[in-house]
Amino acid sequence: MTDEYDLPGPPGDVTVEPAVPDDRLDVLRILDAAMLETDADAVDDRIAAGDVLVARSTRTGGVVGALVAVRPASDRLHVDAVAVRRARRGRGIGSALVAAAVDRGKSDPAIEAVTARFDADLRAFYEALGFTIRSEEAAGDAADRGSDRLDGKLSVGGRESA
C-alpha cells in the first residue's frame, strides 16, 4: 500500500492537472524532446480518457511536463511515458506527475496497482516514490531479455495484484 509513502506534490510554481485537447501539441513536443516514442492518436485517446497529466507553470500557463498512462488491464494503470522540459528537470516535476498518477490509481476502486517500465538509471527515482522494482528478465518478459529496462509496481488497491 502507498500509505507508508509521502508522495510529493508539485513545486510551488507548478500545478498538475489532467490534460485537455488544447494541450496535445505541448504533450507531444515534450515527449518527443525526451526521445520517447509516442503515437499521436494514442495520446489523443488517452487525453480523452483522462489518463494524460500535465505539469503547468503557474506563471506562464505553459506545459512544462507530461505523463501518459494506459490501462493494459482493468486493474492496472501503467505509466507509459513521463517527461519534463529540459530547463525544468531536477525540480520534482516528474515526481509530482508520477505521484498524481498514483493518486488517480488510488481513487479508482478498480485499480489495484500502478506500474511503469523504465531505464535502469531511473531506478532510484521510482524507488523513492515507493515502487517495487524488478528486472524485465525477472518479470518474465522474453521480448526484452538482455535489456537494462526495469519494471516498477506500486500497489494501490486492497489486494496485491500479479
C-alpha atoms as a PDB file:
ATOM      1  CA  MET A   1       0.000   0.000   0.000  1.00  0.00           C
ATOM      2  CA  THR A   2       1.159   3.525  -0.618  1.00  0.00           C
ATOM      3  CA  ASP A   3       0.070   4.929   2.744  1.00  0.00           C
ATOM      4  CA  GLU A   4       3.600   4.494   4.102  1.00  0.00           C
ATOM      5  CA  TYR A   5       4.998   6.847   1.467  1.00  0.00           C
ATOM      6  CA  ASP A   6       4.599  10.595   1.339  1.00  0.00           C
ATOM      7  CA  LEU A   7       4.112  11.216  -2.352  1.00  0.00           C
ATOM      8  CA  PRO A   8       5.480  14.569  -3.449  1.00  0.00           C
ATOM      9  CA  GLY A   9       3.363  17.427  -4.640  1.00  0.00           C
ATOM     10  CA  PRO A  10       4.451  19.711  -7.430  1.00  0.00           C
ATOM     11  CA  PRO A  11       6.869  22.586  -6.851  1.00  0.00           C
ATOM     12  CA  GLY A  12       5.181  25.836  -5.815  1.00  0.00           C
ATOM     13  CA  ASP A  13       5.268  27.304  -9.313  1.00  0.00           C
ATOM     14  CA  VAL A  14       3.633  24.278 -10.987  1.00  0.00           C
ATOM     15  CA  THR A  15       0.215  22.626 -10.927  1.00  0.00           C
ATOM     16  CA  VAL A  16      -0.512  19.078 -12.072  1.00  0.00           C
ATOM     17  CA  GLU A  17      -3.834  18.514 -13.790  1.00  0.00           C
ATOM     18  CA  PRO A  18      -5.492  16.345 -16.437  1.00  0.00           C
ATOM     19  CA  ALA A  19      -4.558  17.372 -19.968  1.00  0.00           C
ATOM     20  CA  VAL A  20      -7.179  18.946 -22.208  1.00  0.00           C
ATOM     21  CA  PRO A  21      -7.248  18.607 -26.010  1.00  0.00           C
ATOM     22  CA  ASP A  22      -5.527  22.006 -26.392  1.00  0.00           C
ATOM     23  CA  ASP A  23      -2.502  20.533 -24.513  1.00  0.00           C
ATOM     24  CA  ARG A  24      -1.975  17.843 -27.185  1.00  0.00           C
ATOM     25  CA  LEU A  25       0.807  19.572 -29.136  1.00  0.00           C
ATOM     26  CA  ASP A  26       2.702  20.543 -25.968  1.00  0.00           C
ATOM     27  CA  VAL A  27       2.474  16.968 -24.659  1.00  0.00           C
ATOM     28  CA  LEU A  28       3.748  15.554 -27.953  1.00  0.00           C
ATOM     29  CA  ARG A  29       6.622  18.072 -28.084  1.00  0.00           C
ATOM     30  CA  ILE A  30       7.730  17.325 -24.525  1.00  0.00           C
ATOM     31  CA  LEU A  31       7.657  13.575 -25.109  1.00  0.00           C
ATOM     32  CA  ASP A  32       9.473  13.973 -28.430  1.00  0.00           C
ATOM     33  CA  ALA A  33      12.171  16.168 -26.873  1.00  0.00           C
ATOM     34  CA  ALA A  34      12.760  13.400 -24.317  1.00  0.00           C
ATOM     35  CA  MET A  35      13.121  10.958 -27.231  1.00  0.00           C
ATOM     36  CA  LEU A  36      10.139   8.898 -26.108  1.00  0.00           C
ATOM     37  CA  GLU A  37       8.243   7.041 -28.810  1.00  0.00           C
ATOM     38  CA  THR A  38       4.741   8.383 -28.976  1.00  0.00           C
ATOM     39  CA  ASP A  39       1.738   7.670 -31.131  1.00  0.00           C
ATOM     40  CA  ALA A  40      -0.221  10.905 -31.568  1.00  0.00           C
ATOM     41  CA  ASP A  41      -3.536   9.069 -31.946  1.00  0.00           C
ATOM     42  CA  ALA A  42      -2.872   7.123 -28.741  1.00  0.00           C
ATOM     43  CA  VAL A  43      -2.134  10.388 -26.913  1.00  0.00           C
ATOM     44  CA  ASP A  44      -5.425  11.795 -28.196  1.00  0.00           C
ATOM     45  CA  ASP A  45      -7.255   8.713 -26.893  1.00  0.00           C
ATOM     46  CA  ARG A  46      -5.525   8.927 -23.501  1.00  0.00           C
ATOM     47  CA  ILE A  47      -6.336  12.659 -23.199  1.00  0.00           C
ATOM     48  CA  ALA A  48      -9.991  11.859 -23.923  1.00  0.00           C
ATOM     49  CA  ALA A  49      -9.896   9.128 -21.254  1.00  0.00           C
ATOM     50  CA  GLY A  50      -8.370  11.487 -18.670  1.00  0.00           C
ATOM     51  CA  ASP A  51      -5.144   9.486 -18.476  1.00  0.00           C
ATOM     52  CA  VAL A  52      -2.739  12.238 -19.557  1.00  0.00           C
ATOM     53  CA  LEU A  53      -1.491  14.594 -16.880  1.00  0.00           C
ATOM     54  CA  VAL A  54       0.344  17.845 -17.448  1.00  0.00           C
ATOM     55  CA  ALA A  55       2.513  19.955 -15.194  1.00  0.00           C
ATOM     56  CA  ARG A  56       1.650  23.569 -15.897  1.00  0.00           C
ATOM     57  CA  SER A  57       3.620  26.672 -14.950  1.00  0.00           C
ATOM     58  CA  THR A  58       1.554  28.908 -12.693  1.00  0.00           C
ATOM     59  CA  ARG A  59       3.441  31.906 -14.068  1.00  0.00           C
ATOM     60  CA  THR A  60       3.014  31.336 -17.819  1.00  0.00           C
ATOM     61  CA  GLY A  61       0.326  28.655 -18.058  1.00  0.00           C
ATOM     62  CA  GLY A  62       2.669  26.662 -20.317  1.00  0.00           C
ATOM     63  CA  VAL A  63       3.051  22.892 -20.082  1.00  0.00           C
ATOM     64  CA  VAL A  64       6.436  22.016 -18.545  1.00  0.00           C
ATOM     65  CA  GLY A  65       5.924  18.261 -18.112  1.00  0.00           C
ATOM     66  CA  ALA A  66       3.621  15.464 -19.197  1.00  0.00           C
ATOM     67  CA  LEU A  67       2.676  11.931 -18.217  1.00  0.00           C
ATOM     68  CA  VAL A  68       0.763   9.480 -20.392  1.00  0.00           C
ATOM     69  CA  ALA A  69      -0.845   6.486 -18.692  1.00  0.00           C
ATOM     70  CA  VAL A  70      -2.510   3.476 -20.275  1.00  0.00           C
ATOM     71  CA  ARG A  71      -4.731   0.757 -18.866  1.00  0.00           C
ATOM     72  CA  PRO A  72      -3.368  -2.570 -20.127  1.00  0.00           C
ATOM     73  CA  ALA A  73      -5.682  -4.421 -17.757  1.00  0.00           C
ATOM     74  CA  SER A  74      -8.804  -3.327 -15.914  1.00  0.00           C
ATOM     75  CA  ASP A  75      -6.971  -3.413 -12.564  1.00  0.00           C
ATOM     76  CA  ARG A  76      -3.767  -1.655 -13.639  1.00  0.00           C
ATOM     77  CA  LEU A  77      -2.728   1.880 -14.539  1.00  0.00           C
ATOM     78  CA  HIS A  78       0.602   1.875 -16.404  1.00  0.00           C
ATOM     79  CA  VAL A  79       2.848   4.927 -16.703  1.00  0.00           C
ATOM     80  CA  ASP A  80       3.651   4.716 -20.401  1.00  0.00           C
ATOM     81  CA  ALA A  81       5.677   7.930 -20.690  1.00  0.00           C
ATOM     82  CA  VAL A  82       6.730  10.767 -18.439  1.00  0.00           C
ATOM     83  CA  ALA A  83       8.899  13.722 -19.424  1.00  0.00           C
ATOM     84  CA  VAL A  84       9.792  17.216 -18.255  1.00  0.00           C
ATOM     85  CA  ARG A  85      11.182  20.099 -20.292  1.00  0.00           C
ATOM     86  CA  ARG A  86      14.974  20.064 -20.068  1.00  0.00           C
ATOM     87  CA  ALA A  87      15.160  23.501 -18.399  1.00  0.00           C
ATOM     88  CA  ARG A  88      12.770  22.359 -15.639  1.00  0.00           C
ATOM     89  CA  ARG A  89      14.295  18.949 -14.822  1.00  0.00           C
ATOM     90  CA  GLY A  90      15.584  18.141 -11.354  1.00  0.00           C
ATOM     91  CA  ARG A  91      12.932  20.210  -9.572  1.00  0.00           C
ATOM     92  CA  GLY A  92      10.450  17.491  -8.632  1.00  0.00           C
ATOM     93  CA  ILE A  93       8.076  17.903 -11.560  1.00  0.00           C
ATOM     94  CA  GLY A  94       8.488  14.326 -12.811  1.00  0.00           C
ATOM     95  CA  SER A  95       7.982  13.002  -9.289  1.00  0.00           C
ATOM     96  CA  ALA A  96       4.845  15.106  -8.905  1.00  0.00           C
ATOM     97  CA  LEU A  97       3.467  13.784 -12.209  1.00  0.00           C
ATOM     98  CA  VAL A  98       4.024  10.150 -11.192  1.00  0.00           C
ATOM     99  CA  ALA A  99       2.607  10.868  -7.717  1.00  0.00           C
ATOM    100  CA  ALA A 100      -0.507  12.348  -9.343  1.00  0.00           C
ATOM    101  CA  ALA A 101      -0.881   9.195 -11.466  1.00  0.00           C
ATOM    102  CA  VAL A 102      -0.593   7.104  -8.293  1.00  0.00           C
ATOM    103  CA  ASP A 103      -3.272   9.273  -6.659  1.00  0.00           C
ATOM    104  CA  ARG A 104      -5.515   8.686  -9.698  1.00  0.00           C
ATOM    105  CA  GLY A 105      -4.960   4.948  -9.314  1.00  0.00           C
ATOM    106  CA  LYS A 106      -5.755   5.117  -5.611  1.00  0.00           C
ATOM    107  CA  SER A 107      -9.002   6.994  -6.284  1.00  0.00           C
ATOM    108  CA  ASP A 108     -10.209   4.396  -8.815  1.00  0.00           C
ATOM    109  CA  PRO A 109     -11.554   1.333  -6.949  1.00  0.00           C
ATOM    110  CA  ALA A 110     -10.887  -0.884  -9.984  1.00  0.00           C
ATOM    111  CA  ILE A 111      -7.151  -0.109  -9.977  1.00  0.00           C
ATOM    112  CA  GLU A 112      -5.010  -2.421  -7.844  1.00  0.00           C
ATOM    113  CA  ALA A 113      -1.559  -1.303  -8.993  1.00  0.00           C
ATOM    114  CA  VAL A 114       0.283   1.420 -10.836  1.00  0.00           C
ATOM    115  CA  THR A 115       3.138   0.109 -12.956  1.00  0.00           C
ATOM    116  CA  ALA A 116       5.955   1.532 -15.057  1.00  0.00           C
ATOM    117  CA  ARG A 117       8.738   0.237 -17.314  1.00  0.00           C
ATOM    118  CA  PHE A 118      11.853   2.369 -17.430  1.00  0.00           C
ATOM    119  CA  ASP A 119      15.596   2.517 -17.991  1.00  0.00           C
ATOM    120  CA  ALA A 120      17.799   1.251 -15.158  1.00  0.00           C
ATOM    121  CA  ASP A 121      19.165   4.745 -14.485  1.00  0.00           C
ATOM    122  CA  LEU A 122      15.688   5.767 -13.259  1.00  0.00           C
ATOM    123  CA  ARG A 123      15.582   3.059 -10.575  1.00  0.00           C
ATOM    124  CA  ALA A 124      16.203   5.454  -7.655  1.00  0.00           C
ATOM    125  CA  PHE A 125      13.517   7.841  -8.988  1.00  0.00           C
ATOM    126  CA  TYR A 126      10.829   5.127  -8.892  1.00  0.00           C
ATOM    127  CA  GLU A 127      12.080   3.569  -5.649  1.00  0.00           C
ATOM    128  CA  ALA A 128      11.824   6.975  -3.947  1.00  0.00           C
ATOM    129  CA  LEU A 129       8.155   7.029  -4.968  1.00  0.00           C
ATOM    130  CA  GLY A 130       7.563   3.641  -3.322  1.00  0.00           C
ATOM    131  CA  PHE A 131       7.643   1.372  -6.377  1.00  0.00           C
ATOM    132  CA  THR A 132       8.915  -2.182  -6.005  1.00  0.00           C
ATOM    133  CA  ILE A 133      11.466  -2.754  -8.765  1.00  0.00           C
ATOM    134  CA  ARG A 134      12.399  -5.864 -10.699  1.00  0.00           C
ATOM    135  CA  SER A 135      14.258  -6.519 -13.925  1.00  0.00           C
ATOM    136  CA  GLU A 136      12.293  -7.468 -17.020  1.00  0.00           C
ATOM    137  CA  GLU A 137      14.056 -10.832 -17.010  1.00  0.00           C
ATOM    138  CA  ALA A 138      12.756 -11.482 -13.500  1.00  0.00           C
ATOM    139  CA  ALA A 139       9.327 -10.380 -14.685  1.00  0.00           C
ATOM    140  CA  GLY A 140       9.474 -12.958 -17.472  1.00  0.00           C
ATOM    141  CA  ASP A 141       9.348 -10.527 -20.400  1.00  0.00           C
ATOM    142  CA  ALA A 142      11.116 -12.558 -23.066  1.00  0.00           C
ATOM    143  CA  ALA A 143      10.767  -9.836 -25.709  1.00  0.00           C
ATOM    144  CA  ASP A 144      13.261  -7.549 -23.980  1.00  0.00           C
ATOM    145  CA  ARG A 145      15.665 -10.015 -22.347  1.00  0.00           C
ATOM    146  CA  GLY A 146      19.133  -8.660 -22.062  1.00  0.00           C
ATOM    147  CA  SER A 147      17.959  -5.039 -21.910  1.00  0.00           C
ATOM    148  CA  ASP A 148      18.594  -2.778 -18.949  1.00  0.00           C
ATOM    149  CA  ARG A 149      14.910  -1.941 -18.577  1.00  0.00           C
ATOM    150  CA  LEU A 150      13.198  -2.426 -15.240  1.00  0.00           C
ATOM    151  CA  ASP A 151       9.602  -2.894 -14.175  1.00  0.00           C
ATOM    152  CA  GLY A 152       8.170  -0.997 -11.239  1.00  0.00           C
ATOM    153  CA  LYS A 153       4.949  -1.676  -9.401  1.00  0.00           C
ATOM    154  CA  LEU A 154       3.131   0.163  -6.643  1.00  0.00           C
ATOM    155  CA  SER A 155       0.082  -1.477  -5.131  1.00  0.00           C
ATOM    156  CA  VAL A 156      -2.731   0.994  -4.567  1.00  0.00           C
ATOM    157  CA  GLY A 157      -5.739  -1.283  -4.066  1.00  0.00           C
ATOM    158  CA  GLY A 158      -6.857  -3.506  -1.247  1.00  0.00           C
ATOM    159  CA  ARG A 159      -5.196  -6.644  -2.598  1.00  0.00           C
ATOM    160  CA  GLU A 160      -1.874  -7.396  -4.213  1.00  0.00           C
ATOM    161  CA  SER A 161      -2.150  -7.869  -7.986  1.00  0.00           C
ATOM    162  CA  ALA A 162       0.029 -10.094 -10.109  1.00  0.00           C
END
